[in-house]
Amino acid sequence: MFLGWYDPDKKRPARLKLLEAVERYTEKFGLAPETCLTSPSEAEELANAGPPALAGLDIRGVSYIPRYTFYIGADDPPSEPLALAA
C-alpha cells in the first residue's frame, strides 16, 4: 500500500517534503514506510542531500512519476508463490 504525496513548492527541499510524507504515512497506517517512489530528479536531489534522515527507506527514481510527487509505502508481497520457469 502506498500513500501519494504532492508538494509543488519549489522553495522547499525534497528532503523536507519527504519527511512530511513519511510522518503522514506513519500517522495514517501506524507503521513506517519501506519504499519511496519519486521522479529521477527528486531521487537525485535526495541522494545529494547528505546523510539520509530516513535510514532504511529505499528511494527509487522512476520515470513515470512526475516531479514534486512521492509515493511512499511498502511493496505488497505476492499473494501466491511464483512459479519457477522451466
Protein backbone atom coordinates (compact mmCIF):
# COMPACT_ATOMS: atom_id res chain seq x y z
CA MET A 1 0.00 0.00 0.00
CA PHE A 2 1.32 3.42 -0.94
CA LEU A 3 0.41 6.96 0.03
CA GLY A 4 0.70 9.63 -2.66
CA TRP A 5 2.21 12.98 -1.64
CA TYR A 6 2.39 16.02 -3.92
CA ASP A 7 4.08 19.27 -2.93
CA PRO A 8 4.92 21.68 -5.79
CA ASP A 9 6.60 24.30 -3.55
CA LYS A 10 9.90 24.99 -5.34
CA LYS A 11 11.38 26.76 -2.31
CA ARG A 12 11.25 23.70 -0.06
CA PRO A 13 13.82 20.93 -0.45
CA ALA A 14 12.72 17.42 -1.37
CA ARG A 15 14.07 16.12 1.93
CA LEU A 16 11.56 18.18 3.95
CA LYS A 17 8.72 17.16 1.66
CA LEU A 18 9.63 13.50 2.09
CA LEU A 19 9.86 13.85 5.88
CA GLU A 20 6.32 15.26 5.94
CA ALA A 21 5.08 12.44 3.72
CA VAL A 22 6.67 9.82 5.99
CA GLU A 23 5.14 11.47 9.05
CA ARG A 24 1.68 11.38 7.47
CA TYR A 25 2.10 7.76 6.35
CA THR A 26 3.13 6.70 9.85
CA GLU A 27 0.21 8.62 11.38
CA LYS A 28 -2.29 7.09 8.97
CA PHE A 29 -1.10 3.47 8.84
CA GLY A 30 0.69 3.08 12.17
CA LEU A 31 3.98 1.86 10.73
CA ALA A 32 7.00 3.26 8.92
CA PRO A 33 7.21 3.08 5.12
CA GLU A 34 9.86 0.95 3.44
CA THR A 35 9.94 2.44 -0.06
CA CYS A 36 9.69 5.83 -1.74
CA LEU A 37 8.97 6.10 -5.46
CA THR A 38 9.63 9.53 -6.93
CA SER A 39 10.88 11.22 -10.08
CA PRO A 40 14.52 10.74 -11.06
CA SER A 41 15.27 14.43 -10.38
CA GLU A 42 13.82 14.22 -6.85
CA ALA A 43 15.70 10.97 -6.19
CA GLU A 44 18.95 12.63 -7.29
CA GLU A 45 18.30 15.63 -5.04
CA LEU A 46 17.64 13.31 -2.10
CA ALA A 47 20.83 11.34 -2.81
CA ASN A 48 22.89 14.55 -2.88
CA ALA A 49 21.30 15.97 0.29
CA GLY A 50 23.94 14.42 2.54
CA PRO A 51 23.35 11.80 5.22
CA PRO A 52 19.82 10.46 4.92
CA ALA A 53 17.50 11.39 7.74
CA LEU A 54 15.41 8.36 6.80
CA ALA A 55 17.81 5.46 7.08
CA GLY A 56 16.32 2.25 5.79
CA LEU A 57 13.97 3.96 3.32
CA ASP A 58 14.57 2.63 -0.20
CA ILE A 59 14.33 5.68 -2.51
CA ARG A 60 13.77 4.84 -6.19
CA GLY A 61 13.66 7.31 -9.05
CA VAL A 62 11.24 6.15 -11.74
CA SER A 63 10.38 7.90 -14.99
CA TYR A 64 6.60 7.53 -14.75
CA ILE A 65 6.24 9.64 -11.58
CA PRO A 66 6.13 13.43 -12.12
CA ARG A 67 8.35 15.88 -10.29
CA TYR A 68 7.30 17.01 -6.78
CA THR A 69 5.44 13.72 -6.25
CA PHE A 70 6.29 10.97 -3.77
CA TYR A 71 4.66 7.58 -3.34
CA ILE A 72 5.67 6.09 -0.03
CA GLY A 73 4.75 2.75 1.45
CA ALA A 74 5.64 -0.90 1.20
CA ASP A 75 5.73 -3.26 -1.75
CA ASP A 76 2.98 -5.83 -1.39
CA PRO A 77 4.28 -9.38 -1.15
CA PRO A 78 2.97 -11.73 -3.83
CA SER A 79 -0.28 -13.37 -2.77
CA GLU A 80 0.76 -16.70 -4.37
CA PRO A 81 4.14 -18.32 -4.73
CA LEU A 82 5.68 -17.55 -8.10
CA ALA A 83 6.03 -20.49 -10.43
CA LEU A 84 9.57 -21.34 -11.40
CA ALA A 85 10.35 -21.03 -15.09
CA ALA A 86 11.05 -24.39 -16.66
